[in-house]
Amino acid sequence: MFLQKLQLSNFKNYQDLEIEFSSKINCFVGDNGSGKTNLLDAIYYLSFCKSYFNGIDSQNIHHGLDFFAIHGRYISISDESSDMVSCILKRNERKVLKNKQKRIYSTSRPYWQNSTSHGITLRY
């Protein structure tokens, strides 16, 4: 599987971003402070439902706004089927992870992991 498309709303320094990736190699190039690492953290967040860098989820919301949303489309290389995965956090609410329009709510101590069957597994 590979991440074909990523959409960010109000995540860190990105208010609106939509980007498509190649199934081969992707490079991120830009000036210092332009958001390359934040883009990688968004991909990590979508995969594990937590930031690699920041343990406080609400600090990933763009300054002055009330929510962030990360949406991604994963494509299977073998059969070209796709999965839409979304992670949404509203300030002072629980984060929501959606996979194939099914809502999975996080708890106080979640660990999210993409499974090989194109679904999401919650481990405590």
PDB file of N, CA and C in Angstrom:
ATOM      1  N   MET A   1       0.840  -1.181   0.000  1.00  0.00           N
ATOM      2  CA  MET A   1       0.000   0.000   0.000  1.00  0.00           C
ATOM      3  C   MET A   1       0.879   1.235   0.000  1.00  0.00           C
ATOM      4  N   PHE A   2       0.359   2.286  -0.616  1.00  0.00           N
ATOM      5  CA  PHE A   2       1.048   3.556  -0.541  1.00  0.00           C
ATOM      6  C   PHE A   2       0.030   4.672  -0.389  1.00  0.00           C
ATOM      7  N   LEU A   3       0.459   5.757   0.199  1.00  0.00           N
ATOM      8  CA  LEU A   3      -0.374   6.930   0.379  1.00  0.00           C
ATOM      9  C   LEU A   3      -0.399   7.689  -0.933  1.00  0.00           C
ATOM     10  N   GLN A   4      -1.543   7.698  -1.598  1.00  0.00           N
ATOM     11  CA  GLN A   4      -1.655   8.365  -2.890  1.00  0.00           C
ATOM     12  C   GLN A   4      -1.999   9.843  -2.740  1.00  0.00           C
ATOM     13  N   LYS A   5      -2.865  10.178  -1.772  1.00  0.00           N
ATOM     14  CA  LYS A   5      -3.335  11.547  -1.637  1.00  0.00           C
ATOM     15  C   LYS A   5      -3.421  11.921  -0.165  1.00  0.00           C
ATOM     16  N   LEU A   6      -3.042  13.144   0.151  1.00  0.00           N
ATOM     17  CA  LEU A   6      -3.095  13.655   1.517  1.00  0.00           C
ATOM     18  C   LEU A   6      -3.753  15.023   1.487  1.00  0.00           C
ATOM     19  N   GLN A   7      -4.721  15.228   2.376  1.00  0.00           N
ATOM     20  CA  GLN A   7      -5.379  16.519   2.519  1.00  0.00           C
ATOM     21  C   GLN A   7      -5.259  16.959   3.975  1.00  0.00           C
ATOM     22  N   LEU A   8      -4.807  18.182   4.178  1.00  0.00           N
ATOM     23  CA  LEU A   8      -4.664  18.739   5.522  1.00  0.00           C
ATOM     24  C   LEU A   8      -5.531  19.986   5.647  1.00  0.00           C
ATOM     25  N   SER A   9      -6.188  20.115   6.781  1.00  0.00           N
ATOM     26  CA  SER A   9      -6.918  21.325   7.128  1.00  0.00           C
ATOM     27  C   SER A   9      -6.510  21.726   8.536  1.00  0.00           C
ATOM     28  N   ASN A  10      -5.901  22.889   8.664  1.00  0.00           N
ATOM     29  CA  ASN A  10      -5.544  23.476   9.966  1.00  0.00           C
ATOM     30  C   ASN A  10      -4.586  22.614  10.780  1.00  0.00           C
ATOM     31  N   PHE A  11      -3.723  21.865  10.124  1.00  0.00           N
ATOM     32  CA  PHE A  11      -2.734  21.044  10.823  1.00  0.00           C
ATOM     33  C   PHE A  11      -1.412  21.794  10.861  1.00  0.00           C
ATOM     34  N   LYS A  12      -0.988  22.153  12.060  1.00  0.00           N
ATOM     35  CA  LYS A  12       0.255  22.900  12.283  1.00  0.00           C
ATOM     36  C   LYS A  12       0.296  24.141  11.395  1.00  0.00           C
ATOM     37  N   ASN A  13       1.290  24.289  10.521  1.00  0.00           N
ATOM     38  CA  ASN A  13       1.379  25.512   9.718  1.00  0.00           C
ATOM     39  C   ASN A  13       0.562  25.449   8.430  1.00  0.00           C
ATOM     40  N   TYR A  14      -0.151  24.349   8.184  1.00  0.00           N
ATOM     41  CA  TYR A  14      -0.943  24.198   6.964  1.00  0.00           C
ATOM     42  C   TYR A  14      -2.419  24.479   7.246  1.00  0.00           C
ATOM     43  N   GLN A  15      -2.977  25.502   6.600  1.00  0.00           N
ATOM     44  CA  GLN A  15      -4.419  25.724   6.714  1.00  0.00           C
ATOM     45  C   GLN A  15      -5.166  24.844   5.728  1.00  0.00           C
ATOM     46  N   ASP A  16      -4.720  24.803   4.493  1.00  0.00           N
ATOM     47  CA  ASP A  16      -5.311  23.938   3.480  1.00  0.00           C
ATOM     48  C   ASP A  16      -4.204  23.416   2.581  1.00  0.00           C
ATOM     49  N   LEU A  17      -4.121  22.108   2.458  1.00  0.00           N
ATOM     50  CA  LEU A  17      -3.125  21.502   1.576  1.00  0.00           C
ATOM     51  C   LEU A  17      -3.718  20.231   0.999  1.00  0.00           C
ATOM     52  N   GLU A  18      -3.540  20.049  -0.284  1.00  0.00           N
ATOM     53  CA  GLU A  18      -3.900  18.797  -0.943  1.00  0.00           C
ATOM     54  C   GLU A  18      -2.718  18.411  -1.815  1.00  0.00           C
ATOM     55  N   ILE A  19      -2.208  17.204  -1.607  1.00  0.00           N
ATOM     56  CA  ILE A  19      -1.016  16.764  -2.312  1.00  0.00           C
ATOM     57  C   ILE A  19      -1.195  15.309  -2.737  1.00  0.00           C
ATOM     58  N   GLU A  20      -0.711  14.990  -3.924  1.00  0.00           N
ATOM     59  CA  GLU A  20      -0.746  13.613  -4.416  1.00  0.00           C
ATOM     60  C   GLU A  20       0.682  13.097  -4.516  1.00  0.00           C
ATOM     61  N   PHE A  21       0.846  11.809  -4.170  1.00  0.00           N
ATOM     62  CA  PHE A  21       2.160  11.195  -4.135  1.00  0.00           C
ATOM     63  C   PHE A  21       2.308  10.149  -5.235  1.00  0.00           C
ATOM     64  N   SER A  22       3.533   9.897  -5.596  1.00  0.00           N
ATOM     65  CA  SER A  22       3.875   8.835  -6.533  1.00  0.00           C
ATOM     66  C   SER A  22       3.993   7.524  -5.763  1.00  0.00           C
ATOM     67  N   SER A  23       3.774   6.424  -6.435  1.00  0.00           N
ATOM     68  CA  SER A  23       3.980   5.122  -5.797  1.00  0.00           C
ATOM     69  C   SER A  23       5.462   4.774  -5.737  1.00  0.00           C
ATOM     70  N   LYS A  24       6.290   5.575  -6.364  1.00  0.00           N
ATOM     71  CA  LYS A  24       7.745   5.344  -6.393  1.00  0.00           C
ATOM     72  C   LYS A  24       8.417   6.173  -5.303  1.00  0.00           C
ATOM     73  N   ILE A  25       9.102   7.220  -5.694  1.00  0.00           N
ATOM     74  CA  ILE A  25       9.864   8.050  -4.759  1.00  0.00           C
ATOM     75  C   ILE A  25       9.258   9.452  -4.713  1.00  0.00           C
ATOM     76  N   ASN A  26       9.182  10.012  -3.500  1.00  0.00           N
ATOM     77  CA  ASN A  26       8.690  11.368  -3.297  1.00  0.00           C
ATOM     78  C   ASN A  26       9.734  12.144  -2.500  1.00  0.00           C
ATOM     79  N   CYS A  27       9.990  13.373  -2.904  1.00  0.00           N
ATOM     80  CA  CYS A  27      10.971  14.226  -2.221  1.00  0.00           C
ATOM     81  C   CYS A  27      10.292  15.494  -1.747  1.00  0.00           C
ATOM     82  N   PHE A  28      10.677  15.955  -0.571  1.00  0.00           N
ATOM     83  CA  PHE A  28      10.173  17.215  -0.029  1.00  0.00           C
ATOM     84  C   PHE A  28      11.345  18.185   0.034  1.00  0.00           C
ATOM     85  N   VAL A  29      11.225  19.279  -0.683  1.00  0.00           N
ATOM     86  CA  VAL A  29      12.290  20.263  -0.767  1.00  0.00           C
ATOM     87  C   VAL A  29      11.704  21.618  -0.424  1.00  0.00           C
ATOM     88  N   GLY A  30      12.419  22.402   0.382  1.00  0.00           N
ATOM     89  CA  GLY A  30      11.943  23.734   0.722  1.00  0.00           C
ATOM     90  C   GLY A  30      12.866  24.402   1.705  1.00  0.00           C
ATOM     91  N   ASP A  31      12.634  25.670   1.930  1.00  0.00           N
ATOM     92  CA  ASP A  31      13.431  26.443   2.880  1.00  0.00           C
ATOM     93  C   ASP A  31      13.200  25.949   4.303  1.00  0.00           C
ATOM     94  N   ASN A  32      14.128  26.303   5.193  1.00  0.00           N
ATOM     95  CA  ASN A  32      13.954  26.005   6.607  1.00  0.00           C
ATOM     96  C   ASN A  32      12.660  26.653   7.098  1.00  0.00           C
ATOM     97  N   GLY A  33      11.883  25.906   7.870  1.00  0.00           N
ATOM     98  CA  GLY A  33      10.649  26.436   8.431  1.00  0.00           C
ATOM     99  C   GLY A  33       9.473  26.453   7.471  1.00  0.00           C
ATOM    100  N   SER A  34       9.609  25.838   6.314  1.00  0.00           N
ATOM    101  CA  SER A  34       8.519  25.885   5.332  1.00  0.00           C
ATOM    102  C   SER A  34       7.464  24.791   5.547  1.00  0.00           C
ATOM    103  N   GLY A  35       7.750  23.796   6.397  1.00  0.00           N
ATOM    104  CA  GLY A  35       6.746  22.791   6.728  1.00  0.00           C
ATOM    105  C   GLY A  35       7.030  21.387   6.241  1.00  0.00           C
ATOM    106  N   LYS A  36       8.255  21.106   5.819  1.00  0.00           N
ATOM    107  CA  LYS A  36       8.585  19.755   5.343  1.00  0.00           C
ATOM    108  C   LYS A  36       8.392  18.720   6.450  1.00  0.00           C
ATOM    109  N   THR A  37       8.872  18.994   7.626  1.00  0.00           N
ATOM    110  CA  THR A  37       8.747  18.066   8.749  1.00  0.00           C
ATOM    111  C   THR A  37       7.294  17.964   9.201  1.00  0.00           C
ATOM    112  N   ASN A  38       6.542  19.062   9.143  1.00  0.00           N
ATOM    113  CA  ASN A  38       5.123  19.014   9.499  1.00  0.00           C
ATOM    114  C   ASN A  38       4.350  18.134   8.535  1.00  0.00           C
ATOM    115  N   LEU A  39       4.735  18.132   7.283  1.00  0.00           N
ATOM    116  CA  LEU A  39       4.113  17.262   6.296  1.00  0.00           C
ATOM    117  C   LEU A  39       4.386  15.787   6.643  1.00  0.00           C
ATOM    118  N   LEU A  40       5.617  15.477   7.000  1.00  0.00           N
ATOM    119  CA  LEU A  40       5.954  14.106   7.416  1.00  0.00           C
ATOM    120  C   LEU A  40       5.209  13.725   8.693  1.00  0.00           C
ATOM    121  N   ASP A  41       5.060  14.688   9.612  1.00  0.00           N
ATOM    122  CA  ASP A  41       4.338  14.412  10.850  1.00  0.00           C
ATOM    123  C   ASP A  41       2.853  14.172  10.575  1.00  0.00           C
ATOM    124  N   ALA A  42       2.283  14.843   9.580  1.00  0.00           N
ATOM    125  CA  ALA A  42       0.884  14.608   9.206  1.00  0.00           C
ATOM    126  C   ALA A  42       0.701  13.176   8.701  1.00  0.00           C
ATOM    127  N   ILE A  43       1.645  12.701   7.921  1.00  0.00           N
ATOM    128  CA  ILE A  43       1.589  11.318   7.429  1.00  0.00           C
ATOM    129  C   ILE A  43       1.704  10.348   8.603  1.00  0.00           C
ATOM    130  N   TYR A  44       2.607  10.630   9.524  1.00  0.00           N
ATOM    131  CA  TYR A  44       2.759   9.804  10.717  1.00  0.00           C
ATOM    132  C   TYR A  44       1.463   9.819  11.535  1.00  0.00           C
ATOM    133  N   TYR A  45       0.883  11.014  11.710  1.00  0.00           N
ATOM    134  CA  TYR A  45      -0.343  11.153  12.497  1.00  0.00           C
ATOM    135  C   TYR A  45      -1.474  10.336  11.882  1.00  0.00           C
ATOM    136  N   LEU A  46      -1.591  10.370  10.578  1.00  0.00           N
ATOM    137  CA  LEU A  46      -2.637   9.614   9.902  1.00  0.00           C
ATOM    138  C   LEU A  46      -2.431   8.109  10.075  1.00  0.00           C
ATOM    139  N   SER A  47      -1.193   7.676  10.165  1.00  0.00           N
ATOM    140  CA  SER A  47      -0.879   6.250  10.312  1.00  0.00           C
ATOM    141  C   SER A  47      -1.014   5.748  11.741  1.00  0.00           C
ATOM    142  N   PHE A  48      -0.654   6.584  12.724  1.00  0.00           N
ATOM    143  CA  PHE A  48      -0.628   6.140  14.123  1.00  0.00           C
ATOM    144  C   PHE A  48      -1.571   6.911  15.038  1.00  0.00           C
ATOM    145  N   CYS A  49      -2.278   7.907  14.502  1.00  0.00           N
ATOM    146  CA  CYS A  49      -3.238   8.725  15.243  1.00  0.00           C
ATOM    147  C   CYS A  49      -2.591   9.460  16.417  1.00  0.00           C
ATOM    148  N   LYS A  50      -1.345   9.837  16.209  1.00  0.00           N
ATOM    149  CA  LYS A  50      -0.634  10.664  17.178  1.00  0.00           C
ATOM    150  C   LYS A  50       0.556  11.292  16.470  1.00  0.00           C
ATOM    151  N   SER A  51       1.019  12.394  17.007  1.00  0.00           N
ATOM    152  CA  SER A  51       2.170  13.087  16.442  1.00  0.00           C
ATOM    153  C   SER A  51       3.456  12.400  16.893  1.00  0.00           C
ATOM    154  N   TYR A  52       4.425  12.382  16.019  1.00  0.00           N
ATOM    155  CA  TYR A  52       5.740  11.862  16.388  1.00  0.00           C
ATOM    156  C   TYR A  52       6.436  12.835  17.334  1.00  0.00           C
ATOM    157  N   PHE A  53       6.159  14.132  17.187  1.00  0.00           N
ATOM    158  CA  PHE A  53       6.897  15.172  17.900  1.00  0.00           C
ATOM    159  C   PHE A  53       6.176  15.733  19.112  1.00  0.00           C
ATOM    160  N   ASN A  54       4.843  15.730  19.130  1.00  0.00           N
ATOM    161  CA  ASN A  54       4.112  16.450  20.162  1.00  0.00           C
ATOM    162  C   ASN A  54       3.066  15.544  20.800  1.00  0.00           C
ATOM    163  N   GLY A  55       3.168  15.333  22.089  1.00  0.00           N
ATOM    164  CA  GLY A  55       2.241  14.472  22.804  1.00  0.00           C
ATOM    165  C   GLY A  55       0.910  15.118  23.135  1.00  0.00           C
ATOM    166  N   ILE A  56       0.795  16.438  22.950  1.00  0.00           N
ATOM    167  CA  ILE A  56      -0.442  17.151  23.241  1.00  0.00           C
ATOM    168  C   ILE A  56      -1.139  17.431  21.908  1.00  0.00           C
ATOM    169  N   ASP A  57      -2.194  16.680  21.635  1.00  0.00           N
ATOM    170  CA  ASP A  57      -2.851  16.742  20.330  1.00  0.00           C
ATOM    171  C   ASP A  57      -3.335  18.137  19.959  1.00  0.00           C
ATOM    172  N   SER A  58      -3.890  18.867  20.913  1.00  0.00           N
ATOM    173  CA  SER A  58      -4.464  20.177  20.594  1.00  0.00           C
ATOM    174  C   SER A  58      -3.401  21.174  20.127  1.00  0.00           C
ATOM    175  N   GLN A  59      -2.134  20.926  20.426  1.00  0.00           N
ATOM    176  CA  GLN A  59      -1.079  21.825  19.972  1.00  0.00           C
ATOM    177  C   GLN A  59      -0.751  21.633  18.491  1.00  0.00           C
ATOM    178  N   ASN A  60      -1.348  20.639  17.851  1.00  0.00           N
ATOM    179  CA  ASN A  60      -1.174  20.434  16.417  1.00  0.00           C
ATOM    180  C   ASN A  60      -2.204  21.212  15.594  1.00  0.00           C
ATOM    181  N   ILE A  61      -3.188  21.813  16.272  1.00  0.00           N
ATOM    182  CA  ILE A  61      -4.188  22.635  15.588  1.00  0.00           C
ATOM    183  C   ILE A  61      -3.542  23.976  15.230  1.00  0.00           C
ATOM    184  N   HIS A  62      -3.757  24.415  13.983  1.00  0.00           N
ATOM    185  CA  HIS A  62      -3.220  25.702  13.519  1.00  0.00           C
ATOM    186  C   HIS A  62      -3.626  26.796  14.505  1.00  0.00           C
ATOM    187  N   HIS A  63      -2.696  27.680  14.831  1.00  0.00           N
ATOM    188  CA  HIS A  63      -2.905  28.731  15.844  1.00  0.00           C
ATOM    189  C   HIS A  63      -4.185  29.528  15.586  1.00  0.00           C
ATOM    190  N   GLY A  64      -5.013  29.631  16.617  1.00  0.00           N
ATOM    191  CA  GLY A  64      -6.221  30.445  16.550  1.00  0.00           C
ATOM    192  C   GLY A  64      -7.442  29.749  15.971  1.00  0.00           C
ATOM    193  N   LEU A  65      -7.307  28.495  15.556  1.00  0.00           N
ATOM    194  CA  LEU A  65      -8.438  27.776  14.979  1.00  0.00           C
ATOM    195  C   LEU A  65      -8.912  26.677  15.925  1.00  0.00           C
ATOM    196  N   ASP A  66     -10.041  26.043  15.591  1.00  0.00           N
ATOM    197  CA  ASP A  66     -10.693  25.124  16.524  1.00  0.00           C
ATOM    198  C   ASP A  66     -10.553  23.639  16.205  1.00  0.00           C
ATOM    199  N   PHE A  67      -9.978  23.294  15.057  1.00  0.00           N
ATOM    200  CA  PHE A  67      -9.893  21.874  14.704  1.00  0.00           C
ATOM    201  C   PHE A  67      -8.784  21.667  13.684  1.00  0.00           C
ATOM    202  N   PHE A  68      -8.390  20.402  13.539  1.00  0.00           N
ATOM    203  CA  PHE A  68      -7.603  20.012  12.371  1.00  0.00           C
ATOM    204  C   PHE A  68      -8.178  18.717  11.819  1.00  0.00           C
ATOM    205  N   ALA A  69      -7.938  18.512  10.529  1.00  0.00           N
ATOM    206  CA  ALA A  69      -8.375  17.281   9.869  1.00  0.00           C
ATOM    207  C   ALA A  69      -7.274  16.821   8.920  1.00  0.00           C
ATOM    208  N   ILE A  70      -7.005  15.525   8.950  1.00  0.00           N
ATOM    209  CA  ILE A  70      -6.052  14.895   8.037  1.00  0.00           C
ATOM    210  C   ILE A  70      -6.805  13.785   7.316  1.00  0.00           C
ATOM    211  N   HIS A  71      -6.794  13.820   5.997  1.00  0.00           N
ATOM    212  CA  HIS A  71      -7.459  12.802   5.194  1.00  0.00           C
ATOM    213  C   HIS A  71      -6.425  12.203   4.249  1.00  0.00           C
ATOM    214  N   GLY A  72      -6.467  10.896   4.097  1.00  0.00           N
ATOM    215  CA  GLY A  72      -5.540  10.241   3.184  1.00  0.00           C
ATOM    216  C   GLY A  72      -6.194   9.111   2.419  1.00  0.00           C
ATOM    217  N   ARG A  73      -5.746   8.929   1.189  1.00  0.00           N
ATOM    218  CA  ARG A  73      -6.211   7.793   0.387  1.00  0.00           C
ATOM    219  C   ARG A  73      -5.027   6.860   0.185  1.00  0.00           C
ATOM    220  N   TYR A  74      -5.174   5.633   0.665  1.00  0.00           N
ATOM    221  CA  TYR A  74      -4.162   4.601   0.497  1.00  0.00           C
ATOM    222  C   TYR A  74      -4.574   3.691  -0.648  1.00  0.00           C
ATOM    223  N   ILE A  75      -3.634   3.349  -1.506  1.00  0.00           N
ATOM    224  CA  ILE A  75      -3.885   2.493  -2.656  1.00  0.00           C
ATOM    225  C   ILE A  75      -3.081   1.205  -2.503  1.00  0.00           C
ATOM    226  N   SER A  76      -3.747   0.075  -2.731  1.00  0.00           N
ATOM    227  CA  SER A  76      -3.058  -1.209  -2.742  1.00  0.00           C
ATOM    228  C   SER A  76      -2.378  -1.378  -4.091  1.00  0.00           C
ATOM    229  N   ILE A  77      -1.109  -1.676  -4.082  1.00  0.00           N
ATOM    230  CA  ILE A  77      -0.366  -1.850  -5.323  1.00  0.00           C
ATOM    231  C   ILE A  77      -0.790  -3.133  -6.035  1.00  0.00           C
ATOM    232  N   SER A  78      -1.151  -4.158  -5.265  1.00  0.00           N
ATOM    233  CA  SER A  78      -1.478  -5.450  -5.874  1.00  0.00           C
ATOM    234  C   SER A  78      -2.800  -5.435  -6.636  1.00  0.00           C
ATOM    235  N   ASP A  79      -3.849  -4.859  -6.048  1.00  0.00           N
ATOM    236  CA  ASP A  79      -5.158  -4.901  -6.724  1.00  0.00           C
ATOM    237  C   ASP A  79      -5.756  -3.515  -6.982  1.00  0.00           C
ATOM    238  N   GLU A  80      -5.016  -2.470  -6.677  1.00  0.00           N
ATOM    239  CA  GLU A  80      -5.408  -1.079  -6.902  1.00  0.00           C
ATOM    240  C   GLU A  80      -6.681  -0.672  -6.172  1.00  0.00           C
ATOM    241  N   SER A  81      -7.068  -1.403  -5.123  1.00  0.00           N
ATOM    242  CA  SER A  81      -8.194  -0.976  -4.294  1.00  0.00           C
ATOM    243  C   SER A  81      -7.731   0.199  -3.428  1.00  0.00           C
ATOM    244  N   SER A  82      -8.673   0.985  -2.936  1.00  0.00           N
ATOM    245  CA  SER A  82      -8.295   2.156  -2.152  1.00  0.00           C
ATOM    246  C   SER A  82      -9.028   2.178  -0.820  1.00  0.00           C
ATOM    247  N   ASP A  83      -8.410   2.815   0.151  1.00  0.00           N
ATOM    248  CA  ASP A  83      -8.981   3.049   1.477  1.00  0.00           C
ATOM    249  C   ASP A  83      -8.842   4.523   1.798  1.00  0.00           C
ATOM    250  N   MET A  84      -9.927   5.139   2.271  1.00  0.00           N
ATOM    251  CA  MET A  84      -9.875   6.508   2.771  1.00  0.00           C
ATOM    252  C   MET A  84      -9.771   6.444   4.285  1.00  0.00           C
ATOM    253  N   VAL A  85      -8.816   7.165   4.835  1.00  0.00           N
ATOM    254  CA  VAL A  85      -8.620   7.233   6.278  1.00  0.00           C
ATOM    255  C   VAL A  85      -8.603   8.704   6.659  1.00  0.00           C
ATOM    256  N   SER A  86      -9.295   9.046   7.747  1.00  0.00           N
ATOM    257  CA  SER A  86      -9.336  10.425   8.220  1.00  0.00           C
ATOM    258  C   SER A  86      -9.101  10.461   9.715  1.00  0.00           C
ATOM    259  N   CYS A  87      -8.407  11.484  10.156  1.00  0.00           N
ATOM    260  CA  CYS A  87      -8.228  11.741  11.582  1.00  0.00           C
ATOM    261  C   CYS A  87      -8.596  13.198  11.812  1.00  0.00           C
ATOM    262  N   ILE A  88      -9.544  13.431  12.719  1.00  0.00           N
ATOM    263  CA  ILE A  88     -10.081  14.765  12.958  1.00  0.00           C
ATOM    264  C   ILE A  88     -10.051  15.040  14.451  1.00  0.00           C
ATOM    265  N   LEU A  89      -9.583  16.220  14.809  1.00  0.00           N
ATOM    266  CA  LEU A  89      -9.579  16.630  16.214  1.00  0.00           C
ATOM    267  C   LEU A  89     -10.180  18.011  16.325  1.00  0.00           C
ATOM    268  N   LYS A  90     -11.227  18.121  17.159  1.00  0.00           N
ATOM    269  CA  LYS A  90     -11.807  19.417  17.502  1.00  0.00           C
ATOM    270  C   LYS A  90     -11.349  19.742  18.909  1.00  0.00           C
ATOM    271  N   ARG A  91     -11.017  21.009  19.120  1.00  0.00           N
ATOM    272  CA  ARG A  91     -10.519  21.441  20.431  1.00  0.00           C
ATOM    273  C   ARG A  91     -11.516  21.039  21.535  1.00  0.00           C
ATOM    274  N   ASN A  92     -11.000  20.474  22.618  1.00  0.00           N
ATOM    275  CA  ASN A  92     -11.772  20.028  23.783  1.00  0.00           C
ATOM    276  C   ASN A  92     -12.719  18.864  23.481  1.00  0.00           C
ATOM    277  N   GLU A  93     -12.452  18.119  22.403  1.00  0.00           N
ATOM    278  CA  GLU A  93     -13.237  16.927  22.095  1.00  0.00           C
ATOM    279  C   GLU A  93     -12.282  15.771  21.840  1.00  0.00           C
ATOM    280  N   ARG A  94     -12.857  14.564  21.761  1.00  0.00           N
ATOM    281  CA  ARG A  94     -12.051  13.390  21.459  1.00  0.00           C
ATOM    282  C   ARG A  94     -11.726  13.377  19.974  1.00  0.00           C
ATOM    283  N   LYS A  95     -10.559  12.872  19.641  1.00  0.00           N
ATOM    284  CA  LYS A  95     -10.234  12.755  18.219  1.00  0.00           C
ATOM    285  C   LYS A  95     -11.011  11.602  17.618  1.00  0.00           C
ATOM    286  N   VAL A  96     -11.293  11.735  16.331  1.00  0.00           N
ATOM    287  CA  VAL A  96     -12.073  10.746  15.608  1.00  0.00           C
ATOM    288  C   VAL A  96     -11.213  10.204  14.483  1.00  0.00           C
ATOM    289  N   LEU A  97     -11.171   8.903  14.380  1.00  0.00           N
ATOM    290  CA  LEU A  97     -10.496   8.239  13.275  1.00  0.00           C
ATOM    291  C   LEU A  97     -11.556   7.528  12.459  1.00  0.00           C
ATOM    292  N   LYS A  98     -11.574   7.804  11.153  1.00  0.00           N
ATOM    293  CA  LYS A  98     -12.532   7.157  10.258  1.00  0.00           C
ATOM    294  C   LYS A  98     -11.763   6.312   9.258  1.00  0.00           C
ATOM    295  N   ASN A  99     -12.278   5.121   9.027  1.00  0.00           N
ATOM    296  CA  ASN A  99     -11.749   4.239   7.994  1.00  0.00           C
ATOM    297  C   ASN A  99     -12.936   3.665   7.249  1.00  0.00           C
ATOM    298  N   LYS A 100     -13.015   3.918   5.940  1.00  0.00           N
ATOM    299  CA  LYS A 100     -14.152   3.461   5.134  1.00  0.00           C
ATOM    300  C   LYS A 100     -15.464   3.952   5.742  1.00  0.00           C
ATOM    301  N   GLN A 101     -15.486   5.198   6.160  1.00  0.00           N
ATOM    302  CA  GLN A 101     -16.657   5.858   6.742  1.00  0.00           C
ATOM    303  C   GLN A 101     -17.093   5.266   8.086  1.00  0.00           C
ATOM    304  N   LYS A 102     -16.329   4.351   8.643  1.00  0.00           N
ATOM    305  CA  LYS A 102     -16.624   3.820   9.961  1.00  0.00           C
ATOM    306  C   LYS A 102     -15.881   4.660  10.991  1.00  0.00           C
ATOM    307  N   ARG A 103     -16.592   5.120  12.004  1.00  0.00           N
ATOM    308  CA  ARG A 103     -15.974   5.944  13.035  1.00  0.00           C
ATOM    309  C   ARG A 103     -15.398   5.069  14.136  1.00  0.00           C
ATOM    310  N   ILE A 104     -14.172   5.388  14.505  1.00  0.00           N
ATOM    311  CA  ILE A 104     -13.505   4.730  15.622  1.00  0.00           C
ATOM    312  C   ILE A 104     -13.023   5.850  16.523  1.00  0.00           C
ATOM    313  N   TYR A 105     -13.446   5.868  17.757  1.00  0.00           N
ATOM    314  CA  TYR A 105     -13.085   6.954  18.662  1.00  0.00           C
ATOM    315  C   TYR A 105     -11.876   6.567  19.492  1.00  0.00           C
ATOM    316  N   SER A 106     -11.029   7.535  19.733  1.00  0.00           N
ATOM    317  CA  SER A 106      -9.868   7.277  20.570  1.00  0.00           C
ATOM    318  C   SER A 106     -10.277   7.321  22.031  1.00  0.00           C
ATOM    319  N   THR A 107      -9.460   6.733  22.848  1.00  0.00           N
ATOM    320  CA  THR A 107      -9.673   6.737  24.286  1.00  0.00           C
ATOM    321  C   THR A 107      -8.512   7.470  24.924  1.00  0.00           C
ATOM    322  N   SER A 108      -8.405   7.388  26.228  1.00  0.00           N
ATOM    323  CA  SER A 108      -7.345   8.134  26.903  1.00  0.00           C
ATOM    324  C   SER A 108      -5.951   7.595  26.604  1.00  0.00           C
ATOM    325  N   ARG A 109      -5.837   6.316  26.230  1.00  0.00           N
ATOM    326  CA  ARG A 109      -4.520   5.748  25.942  1.00  0.00           C
ATOM    327  C   ARG A 109      -4.545   4.875  24.696  1.00  0.00           C
ATOM    328  N   PRO A 110      -4.764   5.466  23.526  1.00  0.00           N
ATOM    329  CA  PRO A 110      -4.852   4.623  22.332  1.00  0.00           C
ATOM    330  C   PRO A 110      -3.501   4.357  21.703  1.00  0.00           C
ATOM    331  N   TYR A 111      -3.455   3.298  20.950  1.00  0.00           N
ATOM    332  CA  TYR A 111      -2.343   3.053  20.037  1.00  0.00           C
ATOM    333  C   TYR A 111      -2.960   2.574  18.742  1.00  0.00           C
ATOM    334  N   TRP A 112      -2.840   3.361  17.690  1.00  0.00           N
ATOM    335  CA  TRP A 112      -3.454   3.041  16.405  1.00  0.00           C
ATOM    336  C   TRP A 112      -2.405   2.478  15.472  1.00  0.00           C
ATOM    337  N   GLN A 113      -2.811   1.509  14.677  1.00  0.00           N
ATOM    338  CA  GLN A 113      -1.878   0.939  13.715  1.00  0.00           C
ATOM    339  C   GLN A 113      -2.647   0.478  12.484  1.00  0.00           C
ATOM    340  N   ASN A 114      -2.149   0.802  11.311  1.00  0.00           N
ATOM    341  CA  ASN A 114      -2.756   0.289  10.087  1.00  0.00           C
ATOM    342  C   ASN A 114      -2.458  -1.197   9.987  1.00  0.00           C
ATOM    343  N   SER A 115      -3.494  -1.984   9.782  1.00  0.00           N
ATOM    344  CA  SER A 115      -3.286  -3.422   9.645  1.00  0.00           C
ATOM    345  C   SER A 115      -3.080  -3.775   8.181  1.00  0.00           C
ATOM    346  N   THR A 116      -2.618  -4.961   7.923  1.00  0.00           N
ATOM    347  CA  THR A 116      -2.368  -5.388   6.547  1.00  0.00           C
ATOM    348  C   THR A 116      -3.661  -5.694   5.802  1.00  0.00           C
ATOM    349  N   SER A 117      -4.784  -5.790   6.505  1.00  0.00           N
ATOM    350  CA  SER A 117      -6.057  -6.083   5.845  1.00  0.00           C
ATOM    351  C   SER A 117      -6.801  -4.807   5.475  1.00  0.00           C
ATOM    352  N   HIS A 118      -6.076  -3.682   5.351  1.00  0.00           N
ATOM    353  CA  HIS A 118      -6.637  -2.407   4.936  1.00  0.00           C
ATOM    354  C   HIS A 118      -7.570  -1.827   5.963  1.00  0.00           C
ATOM    355  N   GLY A 119      -7.472  -2.229   7.185  1.00  0.00           N
ATOM    356  CA  GLY A 119      -8.338  -1.698   8.234  1.00  0.00           C
ATOM    357  C   GLY A 119      -7.511  -1.032   9.305  1.00  0.00           C
ATOM    358  N   ILE A 120      -8.135  -0.725  10.388  1.00  0.00           N
ATOM    359  CA  ILE A 120      -7.459  -0.090  11.512  1.00  0.00           C
ATOM    360  C   ILE A 120      -7.611  -0.994  12.731  1.00  0.00           C
ATOM    361  N   THR A 121      -6.554  -1.164  13.452  1.00  0.00           N
ATOM    362  CA  THR A 121      -6.571  -1.980  14.658  1.00  0.00           C
ATOM    363  C   THR A 121      -6.287  -1.071  15.852  1.00  0.00           C
ATOM    364  N   LEU A 122      -7.082  -1.195  16.883  1.00  0.00           N
ATOM    365  CA  LEU A 122      -6.870  -0.432  18.102  1.00  0.00           C
ATOM    366  C   LEU A 122      -6.250  -1.372  19.127  1.00  0.00           C
ATOM    367  N   ARG A 123      -5.111  -0.981  19.671  1.00  0.00           N
ATOM    368  CA  ARG A 123      -4.444  -1.802  20.690  1.00  0.00           C
ATOM    369  C   ARG A 123      -4.297  -0.998  21.966  1.00  0.00           C
ATOM    370  N   TYR A 124      -4.537  -1.648  23.106  1.00  0.00           N
ATOM    371  CA  TYR A 124      -4.392  -0.984  24.404  1.00  0.00           C
ATOM    372  C   TYR A 124      -3.194  -1.531  25.122  1.00  0.00           C
TER     373      TYR A 124
END
